[in-house]
Amino acid sequence: SNPALAAPGLAHMIHAAASDPQALILISNMAEQMSKAGG
């Protein structure tokens, strides 16, 4: 996807995950899917 559009959303999720366990779960699920994509 276009990094210019993806970066702000990911940054907000990363920032929230540092202090919010629910955000951490959400970004963990997302990272798991991303890792399956490879590259």
Full PDB file with SEQRES, HELIX, SHEET, SSBOND, CRYST1, ORIGX, SCALE, CONECT and MASTER records, all heavy atoms in Angstrom:
SEQRES   1 A   39  SER ASN PRO ALA LEU ALA ALA PRO GLY LEU ALA HIS MET          
SEQRES   2 A   39  ILE HIS ALA ALA ALA SER ASP PRO GLN ALA LEU ILE LEU          
SEQRES   3 A   39  ILE SER ASN MET ALA GLU GLN MET SER LYS ALA GLY GLY          
HELIX    1 AA1 PRO A    3  ALA A   17  1                                  15    
HELIX    2 AA2 PRO A   21  ALA A   37  1                                  17    
CRYST1    1.000    1.000    1.000  90.00  90.00  90.00 P 1           1          
ORIGX1      1.000000  0.000000  0.000000        0.00000                         
ORIGX2      0.000000  1.000000  0.000000        0.00000                         
ORIGX3      0.000000  0.000000  1.000000        0.00000                         
SCALE1      1.000000  0.000000  0.000000        0.00000                         
SCALE2      0.000000  1.000000  0.000000        0.00000                         
SCALE3      0.000000  0.000000  1.000000        0.00000                         
ATOM      1  N   SER A   1       0.852  -1.181   0.000  1.00  0.00           N  
ATOM      2  CA  SER A   1       0.000   0.000   0.000  1.00  0.00           C  
ATOM      3  C   SER A   1       0.889   1.233   0.000  1.00  0.00           C  
ATOM      4  O   SER A   1       2.088   1.150   0.166  1.00  0.00           O  
ATOM      5  CB  SER A   1      -0.934  -0.006   1.211  1.00  0.00           C  
ATOM      6  OG  SER A   1      -0.206  -0.037   2.396  1.00  0.00           O  
ATOM      7  N   ASN A   2       0.281   2.372  -0.170  1.00  0.00           N  
ATOM      8  CA  ASN A   2       1.013   3.628  -0.237  1.00  0.00           C  
ATOM      9  C   ASN A   2       1.516   3.986   1.159  1.00  0.00           C  
ATOM     10  O   ASN A   2       0.715   4.240   2.056  1.00  0.00           O  
ATOM     11  CB  ASN A   2       0.088   4.721  -0.771  1.00  0.00           C  
ATOM     12  CG  ASN A   2       0.788   6.047  -0.935  1.00  0.00           C  
ATOM     13  OD1 ASN A   2       1.826   6.304  -0.335  1.00  0.00           O  
ATOM     14  ND2 ASN A   2       0.202   6.893  -1.747  1.00  0.00           N  
ATOM     15  N   PRO A   3       2.835   4.023   1.361  1.00  0.00           N  
ATOM     16  CA  PRO A   3       3.381   4.311   2.684  1.00  0.00           C  
ATOM     17  C   PRO A   3       2.926   5.651   3.245  1.00  0.00           C  
ATOM     18  O   PRO A   3       2.760   5.794   4.440  1.00  0.00           O  
ATOM     19  CB  PRO A   3       4.898   4.316   2.466  1.00  0.00           C  
ATOM     20  CG  PRO A   3       5.118   3.553   1.222  1.00  0.00           C  
ATOM     21  CD  PRO A   3       3.882   3.730   0.387  1.00  0.00           C  
ATOM     22  N   ALA A   4       2.691   6.608   2.385  1.00  0.00           N  
ATOM     23  CA  ALA A   4       2.284   7.934   2.855  1.00  0.00           C  
ATOM     24  C   ALA A   4       0.950   7.879   3.580  1.00  0.00           C  
ATOM     25  O   ALA A   4       0.685   8.653   4.491  1.00  0.00           O  
ATOM     26  CB  ALA A   4       2.215   8.909   1.685  1.00  0.00           C  
ATOM     27  N   LEU A   5       0.082   6.948   3.188  1.00  0.00           N  
ATOM     28  CA  LEU A   5      -1.215   6.820   3.843  1.00  0.00           C  
ATOM     29  C   LEU A   5      -1.188   5.815   4.991  1.00  0.00           C  
ATOM     30  O   LEU A   5      -1.945   5.944   5.940  1.00  0.00           O  
ATOM     31  CB  LEU A   5      -2.285   6.426   2.825  1.00  0.00           C  
ATOM     32  CG  LEU A   5      -2.546   7.448   1.722  1.00  0.00           C  
ATOM     33  CD1 LEU A   5      -3.545   6.892   0.721  1.00  0.00           C  
ATOM     34  CD2 LEU A   5      -3.049   8.764   2.294  1.00  0.00           C  
ATOM     35  N   ALA A   6      -0.324   4.805   4.906  1.00  0.00           N  
ATOM     36  CA  ALA A   6      -0.275   3.763   5.928  1.00  0.00           C  
ATOM     37  C   ALA A   6       0.465   4.225   7.184  1.00  0.00           C  
ATOM     38  O   ALA A   6       0.091   3.855   8.295  1.00  0.00           O  
ATOM     39  CB  ALA A   6       0.390   2.515   5.369  1.00  0.00           C  
ATOM     40  N   ALA A   7       1.502   5.016   7.017  1.00  0.00           N  
ATOM     41  CA  ALA A   7       2.369   5.386   8.144  1.00  0.00           C  
ATOM     42  C   ALA A   7       1.640   6.067   9.299  1.00  0.00           C  
ATOM     43  O   ALA A   7       1.836   5.673  10.453  1.00  0.00           O  
ATOM     44  CB  ALA A   7       3.535   6.242   7.648  1.00  0.00           C  
ATOM     45  N   PRO A   8       0.797   7.080   9.063  1.00  0.00           N  
ATOM     46  CA  PRO A   8       0.135   7.731  10.207  1.00  0.00           C  
ATOM     47  C   PRO A   8      -0.747   6.775  11.007  1.00  0.00           C  
ATOM     48  O   PRO A   8      -0.740   6.815  12.237  1.00  0.00           O  
ATOM     49  CB  PRO A   8      -0.698   8.840   9.554  1.00  0.00           C  
ATOM     50  CG  PRO A   8      -0.015   9.117   8.252  1.00  0.00           C  
ATOM     51  CD  PRO A   8       0.524   7.782   7.804  1.00  0.00           C  
ATOM     52  N   GLY A   9      -1.470   5.900  10.322  1.00  0.00           N  
ATOM     53  CA  GLY A   9      -2.317   4.942  11.033  1.00  0.00           C  
ATOM     54  C   GLY A   9      -1.501   3.970  11.865  1.00  0.00           C  
ATOM     55  O   GLY A   9      -1.835   3.689  13.018  1.00  0.00           O  
ATOM     56  N   LEU A  10      -0.427   3.470  11.290  1.00  0.00           N  
ATOM     57  CA  LEU A  10       0.449   2.564  12.034  1.00  0.00           C  
ATOM     58  C   LEU A  10       1.092   3.276  13.217  1.00  0.00           C  
ATOM     59  O   LEU A  10       1.194   2.714  14.308  1.00  0.00           O  
ATOM     60  CB  LEU A  10       1.528   1.992  11.111  1.00  0.00           C  
ATOM     61  CG  LEU A  10       1.052   0.946  10.106  1.00  0.00           C  
ATOM     62  CD1 LEU A  10       2.148   0.639   9.091  1.00  0.00           C  
ATOM     63  CD2 LEU A  10       0.613  -0.319  10.814  1.00  0.00           C  
ATOM     64  N   ALA A  11       1.510   4.517  13.007  1.00  0.00           N  
ATOM     65  CA  ALA A  11       2.142   5.280  14.093  1.00  0.00           C  
ATOM     66  C   ALA A  11       1.180   5.466  15.257  1.00  0.00           C  
ATOM     67  O   ALA A  11       1.564   5.310  16.426  1.00  0.00           O  
ATOM     68  CB  ALA A  11       2.639   6.624  13.572  1.00  0.00           C  
ATOM     69  N   HIS A  12      -0.073   5.767  14.976  1.00  0.00           N  
ATOM     70  CA  HIS A  12      -1.060   5.938  16.052  1.00  0.00           C  
ATOM     71  C   HIS A  12      -1.273   4.629  16.799  1.00  0.00           C  
ATOM     72  O   HIS A  12      -1.382   4.617  18.023  1.00  0.00           O  
ATOM     73  CB  HIS A  12      -2.380   6.467  15.496  1.00  0.00           C  
ATOM     74  CG  HIS A  12      -2.380   7.947  15.265  1.00  0.00           C  
ATOM     75  ND1 HIS A  12      -2.496   8.861  16.282  1.00  0.00           N  
ATOM     76  CD2 HIS A  12      -2.236   8.665  14.135  1.00  0.00           C  
ATOM     77  CE1 HIS A  12      -2.440  10.079  15.792  1.00  0.00           C  
ATOM     78  NE2 HIS A  12      -2.280   9.992  14.477  1.00  0.00           N  
ATOM     79  N   MET A  13      -1.323   3.523  16.064  1.00  0.00           N  
ATOM     80  CA  MET A  13      -1.502   2.222  16.708  1.00  0.00           C  
ATOM     81  C   MET A  13      -0.293   1.875  17.577  1.00  0.00           C  
ATOM     82  O   MET A  13      -0.451   1.368  18.695  1.00  0.00           O  
ATOM     83  CB  MET A  13      -1.725   1.145  15.653  1.00  0.00           C  
ATOM     84  CG  MET A  13      -3.057   1.264  14.941  1.00  0.00           C  
ATOM     85  SD  MET A  13      -3.249   0.044  13.636  1.00  0.00           S  
ATOM     86  CE  MET A  13      -3.434  -1.441  14.608  1.00  0.00           C  
ATOM     87  N   ILE A  14       0.909   2.140  17.083  1.00  0.00           N  
ATOM     88  CA  ILE A  14       2.134   1.860  17.837  1.00  0.00           C  
ATOM     89  C   ILE A  14       2.168   2.697  19.111  1.00  0.00           C  
ATOM     90  O   ILE A  14       2.455   2.192  20.198  1.00  0.00           O  
ATOM     91  CB  ILE A  14       3.378   2.125  16.963  1.00  0.00           C  
ATOM     92  CG1 ILE A  14       3.470   1.064  15.855  1.00  0.00           C  
ATOM     93  CG2 ILE A  14       4.654   2.163  17.801  1.00  0.00           C  
ATOM     94  CD1 ILE A  14       4.400   1.427  14.711  1.00  0.00           C  
ATOM     95  N   HIS A  15       1.836   3.976  18.979  1.00  0.00           N  
ATOM     96  CA  HIS A  15       1.836   4.871  20.140  1.00  0.00           C  
ATOM     97  C   HIS A  15       0.825   4.388  21.186  1.00  0.00           C  
ATOM     98  O   HIS A  15       1.137   4.325  22.377  1.00  0.00           O  
ATOM     99  CB  HIS A  15       1.524   6.304  19.691  1.00  0.00           C  
ATOM    100  CG  HIS A  15       1.489   7.286  20.807  1.00  0.00           C  
ATOM    101  ND1 HIS A  15       2.637   7.719  21.443  1.00  0.00           N  
ATOM    102  CD2 HIS A  15       0.458   7.898  21.423  1.00  0.00           C  
ATOM    103  CE1 HIS A  15       2.299   8.570  22.399  1.00  0.00           C  
ATOM    104  NE2 HIS A  15       0.985   8.691  22.409  1.00  0.00           N  
ATOM    105  N   ALA A  16      -0.362   4.029  20.740  1.00  0.00           N  
ATOM    106  CA  ALA A  16      -1.397   3.566  21.672  1.00  0.00           C  
ATOM    107  C   ALA A  16      -0.989   2.248  22.335  1.00  0.00           C  
ATOM    108  O   ALA A  16      -1.231   2.045  23.525  1.00  0.00           O  
ATOM    109  CB  ALA A  16      -2.725   3.395  20.934  1.00  0.00           C  
ATOM    110  N   ALA A  17      -0.349   1.361  21.576  1.00  0.00           N  
ATOM    111  CA  ALA A  17       0.028   0.046  22.104  1.00  0.00           C  
ATOM    112  C   ALA A  17       1.051   0.128  23.224  1.00  0.00           C  
ATOM    113  O   ALA A  17       1.159  -0.785  24.035  1.00  0.00           O  
ATOM    114  CB  ALA A  17       0.556  -0.842  20.978  1.00  0.00           C  
ATOM    115  N   ALA A  18       1.781   1.229  23.299  1.00  0.00           N  
ATOM    116  CA  ALA A  18       2.781   1.386  24.355  1.00  0.00           C  
ATOM    117  C   ALA A  18       2.141   1.501  25.736  1.00  0.00           C  
ATOM    118  O   ALA A  18       2.779   1.188  26.742  1.00  0.00           O  
ATOM    119  CB  ALA A  18       3.660   2.607  24.077  1.00  0.00           C  
ATOM    120  N   SER A  19       0.867   1.918  25.786  1.00  0.00           N  
ATOM    121  CA  SER A  19       0.230   2.114  27.090  1.00  0.00           C  
ATOM    122  C   SER A  19      -1.135   1.439  27.219  1.00  0.00           C  
ATOM    123  O   SER A  19      -1.712   1.432  28.302  1.00  0.00           O  
ATOM    124  CB  SER A  19       0.076   3.610  27.374  1.00  0.00           C  
ATOM    125  OG  SER A  19      -0.739   4.204  26.374  1.00  0.00           O  
ATOM    126  N   ASP A  20      -1.654   0.880  26.151  1.00  0.00           N  
ATOM    127  CA  ASP A  20      -2.995   0.305  26.165  1.00  0.00           C  
ATOM    128  C   ASP A  20      -2.936  -1.174  25.766  1.00  0.00           C  
ATOM    129  O   ASP A  20      -2.622  -1.492  24.620  1.00  0.00           O  
ATOM    130  CB  ASP A  20      -3.889   1.085  25.188  1.00  0.00           C  
ATOM    131  CG  ASP A  20      -5.304   0.543  25.107  1.00  0.00           C  
ATOM    132  OD1 ASP A  20      -5.615  -0.487  25.727  1.00  0.00           O  
ATOM    133  OD2 ASP A  20      -6.119   1.170  24.400  1.00  0.00           O  
ATOM    134  N   PRO A  21      -3.238  -2.078  26.695  1.00  0.00           N  
ATOM    135  CA  PRO A  21      -3.163  -3.510  26.391  1.00  0.00           C  
ATOM    136  C   PRO A  21      -4.074  -3.931  25.234  1.00  0.00           C  
ATOM    137  O   PRO A  21      -3.731  -4.811  24.463  1.00  0.00           O  
ATOM    138  CB  PRO A  21      -3.595  -4.195  27.692  1.00  0.00           C  
ATOM    139  CG  PRO A  21      -3.498  -3.165  28.750  1.00  0.00           C  
ATOM    140  CD  PRO A  21      -3.601  -1.833  28.093  1.00  0.00           C  
ATOM    141  N   GLN A  22      -5.235  -3.289  25.108  1.00  0.00           N  
ATOM    142  CA  GLN A  22      -6.134  -3.630  24.009  1.00  0.00           C  
ATOM    143  C   GLN A  22      -5.523  -3.236  22.665  1.00  0.00           C  
ATOM    144  O   GLN A  22      -5.632  -3.962  21.677  1.00  0.00           O  
ATOM    145  CB  GLN A  22      -7.499  -2.945  24.201  1.00  0.00           C  
ATOM    146  CG  GLN A  22      -8.254  -3.433  25.414  1.00  0.00           C  
ATOM    147  CD  GLN A  22      -8.587  -4.915  25.335  1.00  0.00           C  
ATOM    148  OE1 GLN A  22      -8.872  -5.450  24.282  1.00  0.00           O  
ATOM    149  NE2 GLN A  22      -8.522  -5.604  26.467  1.00  0.00           N  
ATOM    150  N   ALA A  23      -4.874  -2.073  22.620  1.00  0.00           N  
ATOM    151  CA  ALA A  23      -4.199  -1.636  21.391  1.00  0.00           C  
ATOM    152  C   ALA A  23      -3.058  -2.588  21.059  1.00  0.00           C  
ATOM    153  O   ALA A  23      -2.805  -2.882  19.886  1.00  0.00           O  
ATOM    154  CB  ALA A  23      -3.683  -0.209  21.544  1.00  0.00           C  
ATOM    155  N   LEU A  24      -2.395  -3.072  22.088  1.00  0.00           N  
ATOM    156  CA  LEU A  24      -1.301  -4.020  21.884  1.00  0.00           C  
ATOM    157  C   LEU A  24      -1.815  -5.310  21.251  1.00  0.00           C  
ATOM    158  O   LEU A  24      -1.198  -5.854  20.334  1.00  0.00           O  
ATOM    159  CB  LEU A  24      -0.594  -4.303  23.207  1.00  0.00           C  
ATOM    160  CG  LEU A  24       0.616  -5.231  23.143  1.00  0.00           C  
ATOM    161  CD1 LEU A  24       1.691  -4.682  22.209  1.00  0.00           C  
ATOM    162  CD2 LEU A  24       1.192  -5.428  24.553  1.00  0.00           C  
ATOM    163  N   ILE A  25      -2.960  -5.785  21.705  1.00  0.00           N  
ATOM    164  CA  ILE A  25      -3.559  -6.990  21.126  1.00  0.00           C  
ATOM    165  C   ILE A  25      -3.898  -6.761  19.659  1.00  0.00           C  
ATOM    166  O   ILE A  25      -3.596  -7.590  18.798  1.00  0.00           O  
ATOM    167  CB  ILE A  25      -4.821  -7.410  21.918  1.00  0.00           C  
ATOM    168  CG1 ILE A  25      -4.430  -7.917  23.307  1.00  0.00           C  
ATOM    169  CG2 ILE A  25      -5.623  -8.473  21.156  1.00  0.00           C  
ATOM    170  CD1 ILE A  25      -5.594  -8.106  24.257  1.00  0.00           C  
ATOM    171  N   LEU A  26      -4.481  -5.613  19.361  1.00  0.00           N  
ATOM    172  CA  LEU A  26      -4.871  -5.305  17.994  1.00  0.00           C  
ATOM    173  C   LEU A  26      -3.655  -5.246  17.070  1.00  0.00           C  
ATOM    174  O   LEU A  26      -3.648  -5.852  16.000  1.00  0.00           O  
ATOM    175  CB  LEU A  26      -5.646  -3.983  17.953  1.00  0.00           C  
ATOM    176  CG  LEU A  26      -6.299  -3.619  16.634  1.00  0.00           C  
ATOM    177  CD1 LEU A  26      -7.333  -4.659  16.231  1.00  0.00           C  
ATOM    178  CD2 LEU A  26      -6.952  -2.254  16.743  1.00  0.00           C  
ATOM    179  N   ILE A  27      -2.614  -4.549  17.496  1.00  0.00           N  
ATOM    180  CA  ILE A  27      -1.431  -4.428  16.636  1.00  0.00           C  
ATOM    181  C   ILE A  27      -0.684  -5.761  16.554  1.00  0.00           C  
ATOM    182  O   ILE A  27      -0.085  -6.070  15.520  1.00  0.00           O  
ATOM    183  CB  ILE A  27      -0.513  -3.269  17.072  1.00  0.00           C  
ATOM    184  CG1 ILE A  27       0.383  -2.861  15.876  1.00  0.00           C  
ATOM    185  CG2 ILE A  27       0.318  -3.616  18.274  1.00  0.00           C  
ATOM    186  CD1 ILE A  27       1.056  -1.531  16.046  1.00  0.00           C  
ATOM    187  N   SER A  28      -0.760  -6.564  17.592  1.00  0.00           N  
ATOM    188  CA  SER A  28      -0.146  -7.897  17.543  1.00  0.00           C  
ATOM    189  C   SER A  28      -0.829  -8.773  16.504  1.00  0.00           C  
ATOM    190  O   SER A  28      -0.167  -9.483  15.746  1.00  0.00           O  
ATOM    191  CB  SER A  28      -0.206  -8.573  18.910  1.00  0.00           C  
ATOM    192  OG  SER A  28       0.567  -7.870  19.836  1.00  0.00           O  
ATOM    193  N   ASN A  29      -2.156  -8.716  16.473  1.00  0.00           N  
ATOM    194  CA  ASN A  29      -2.901  -9.467  15.460  1.00  0.00           C  
ATOM    195  C   ASN A  29      -2.520  -9.001  14.060  1.00  0.00           C  
ATOM    196  O   ASN A  29      -2.339  -9.803  13.146  1.00  0.00           O  
ATOM    197  CB  ASN A  29      -4.412  -9.324  15.667  1.00  0.00           C  
ATOM    198  CG  ASN A  29      -4.898 -10.054  16.896  1.00  0.00           C  
ATOM    199  OD1 ASN A  29      -4.274 -10.985  17.364  1.00  0.00           O  
ATOM    200  ND2 ASN A  29      -6.026  -9.621  17.420  1.00  0.00           N  
ATOM    201  N   MET A  30      -2.407  -7.697  13.898  1.00  0.00           N  
ATOM    202  CA  MET A  30      -2.049  -7.137  12.610  1.00  0.00           C  
ATOM    203  C   MET A  30      -0.629  -7.565  12.218  1.00  0.00           C  
ATOM    204  O   MET A  30      -0.384  -7.960  11.075  1.00  0.00           O  
ATOM    205  CB  MET A  30      -2.144  -5.614  12.659  1.00  0.00           C  
ATOM    206  CG  MET A  30      -2.008  -4.965  11.325  1.00  0.00           C  
ATOM    207  SD  MET A  30      -2.348  -3.217  11.482  1.00  0.00           S  
ATOM    208  CE  MET A  30      -0.692  -2.610  11.344  1.00  0.00           C  
ATOM    209  N   ALA A  31       0.301  -7.507  13.161  1.00  0.00           N  
ATOM    210  CA  ALA A  31       1.684  -7.891  12.882  1.00  0.00           C  
ATOM    211  C   ALA A  31       1.776  -9.368  12.504  1.00  0.00           C  
ATOM    212  O   ALA A  31       2.564  -9.747  11.632  1.00  0.00           O  
ATOM    213  CB  ALA A  31       2.576  -7.582  14.080  1.00  0.00           C  
ATOM    214  N   GLU A  32       0.956 -10.193  13.127  1.00  0.00           N  
ATOM    215  CA  GLU A  32       0.946 -11.611  12.792  1.00  0.00           C  
ATOM    216  C   GLU A  32       0.541 -11.821  11.333  1.00  0.00           C  
ATOM    217  O   GLU A  32       1.160 -12.591  10.604  1.00  0.00           O  
ATOM    218  CB  GLU A  32      -0.005 -12.373  13.720  1.00  0.00           C  
ATOM    219  CG  GLU A  32      -0.028 -13.858  13.464  1.00  0.00           C  
ATOM    220  CD  GLU A  32      -0.963 -14.597  14.404  1.00  0.00           C  
ATOM    221  OE1 GLU A  32      -1.237 -14.090  15.510  1.00  0.00           O  
ATOM    222  OE2 GLU A  32      -1.424 -15.681  14.016  1.00  0.00           O  
ATOM    223  N   GLN A  33      -0.478 -11.093  10.901  1.00  0.00           N  
ATOM    224  CA  GLN A  33      -0.908 -11.179   9.502  1.00  0.00           C  
ATOM    225  C   GLN A  33       0.185 -10.667   8.567  1.00  0.00           C  
ATOM    226  O   GLN A  33       0.435 -11.241   7.511  1.00  0.00           O  
ATOM    227  CB  GLN A  33      -2.196 -10.378   9.282  1.00  0.00           C  
ATOM    228  CG  GLN A  33      -3.404 -10.958   9.963  1.00  0.00           C  
ATOM    229  CD  GLN A  33      -3.781 -12.311   9.412  1.00  0.00           C  
ATOM    230  OE1 GLN A  33      -3.745 -12.535   8.210  1.00  0.00           O  
ATOM    231  NE2 GLN A  33      -4.130 -13.233  10.291  1.00  0.00           N  
ATOM    232  N   MET A  34       0.829  -9.578   8.958  1.00  0.00           N  
ATOM    233  CA  MET A  34       1.892  -9.002   8.132  1.00  0.00           C  
ATOM    234  C   MET A  34       3.065  -9.976   8.010  1.00  0.00           C  
ATOM    235  O   MET A  34       3.660 -10.099   6.940  1.00  0.00           O  
ATOM    236  CB  MET A  34       2.364  -7.677   8.736  1.00  0.00           C  
ATOM    237  CG  MET A  34       1.341  -6.568   8.628  1.00  0.00           C  
ATOM    238  SD  MET A  34       1.706  -5.140   9.672  1.00  0.00           S  
ATOM    239  CE  MET A  34       3.274  -4.605   9.054  1.00  0.00           C  
ATOM    240  N   SER A  35       3.386 -10.673   9.092  1.00  0.00           N  
ATOM    241  CA  SER A  35       4.524 -11.594   9.046  1.00  0.00           C  
ATOM    242  C   SER A  35       4.253 -12.753   8.101  1.00  0.00           C  
ATOM    243  O   SER A  35       5.173 -13.265   7.463  1.00  0.00           O  
ATOM    244  CB  SER A  35       4.888 -12.087  10.444  1.00  0.00           C  
ATOM    245  OG  SER A  35       3.885 -12.923  10.954  1.00  0.00           O  
ATOM    246  N   LYS A  36       2.998 -13.158   7.972  1.00  0.00           N  
ATOM    247  CA  LYS A  36       2.640 -14.246   7.060  1.00  0.00           C  
ATOM    248  C   LYS A  36       2.799 -13.817   5.603  1.00  0.00           C  
ATOM    249  O   LYS A  36       2.949 -14.668   4.730  1.00  0.00           O  
ATOM    250  CB  LYS A  36       1.205 -14.696   7.311  1.00  0.00           C  
ATOM    251  CG  LYS A  36       1.023 -15.416   8.629  1.00  0.00           C  
ATOM    252  CD  LYS A  36      -0.420 -15.786   8.857  1.00  0.00           C  
ATOM    253  CE  LYS A  36      -0.605 -16.421  10.226  1.00  0.00           C  
ATOM    254  NZ  LYS A  36      -2.016 -16.680  10.513  1.00  0.00           N  
ATOM    255  N   ALA A  37       2.748 -12.513   5.359  1.00  0.00           N  
ATOM    256  CA  ALA A  37       2.848 -12.014   3.982  1.00  0.00           C  
ATOM    257  C   ALA A  37       4.274 -12.115   3.447  1.00  0.00           C  
ATOM    258  O   ALA A  37       4.488 -12.122   2.244  1.00  0.00           O  
ATOM    259  CB  ALA A  37       2.369 -10.571   3.917  1.00  0.00           C  
ATOM    260  N   GLY A  38       5.252 -12.167   4.337  1.00  0.00           N  
ATOM    261  CA  GLY A  38       6.646 -12.274   3.922  1.00  0.00           C  
ATOM    262  C   GLY A  38       7.225 -10.954   3.467  1.00  0.00           C  
ATOM    263  O   GLY A  38       6.578  -9.907   3.531  1.00  0.00           O  
ATOM    264  N   GLY A  39       8.458 -10.973   3.016  1.00  0.00           N  
ATOM    265  CA  GLY A  39       9.132  -9.779   2.495  1.00  0.00           C  
ATOM    266  C   GLY A  39       9.199  -8.648   3.496  1.00  0.00           C  
ATOM    267  O   GLY A  39       9.375  -8.866   4.695  1.00  0.00           O  
TER     268      GLY A  39                                                      
MASTER        0    0    0    2    0    0    0    6  267    1    0    3          
END                                                                             
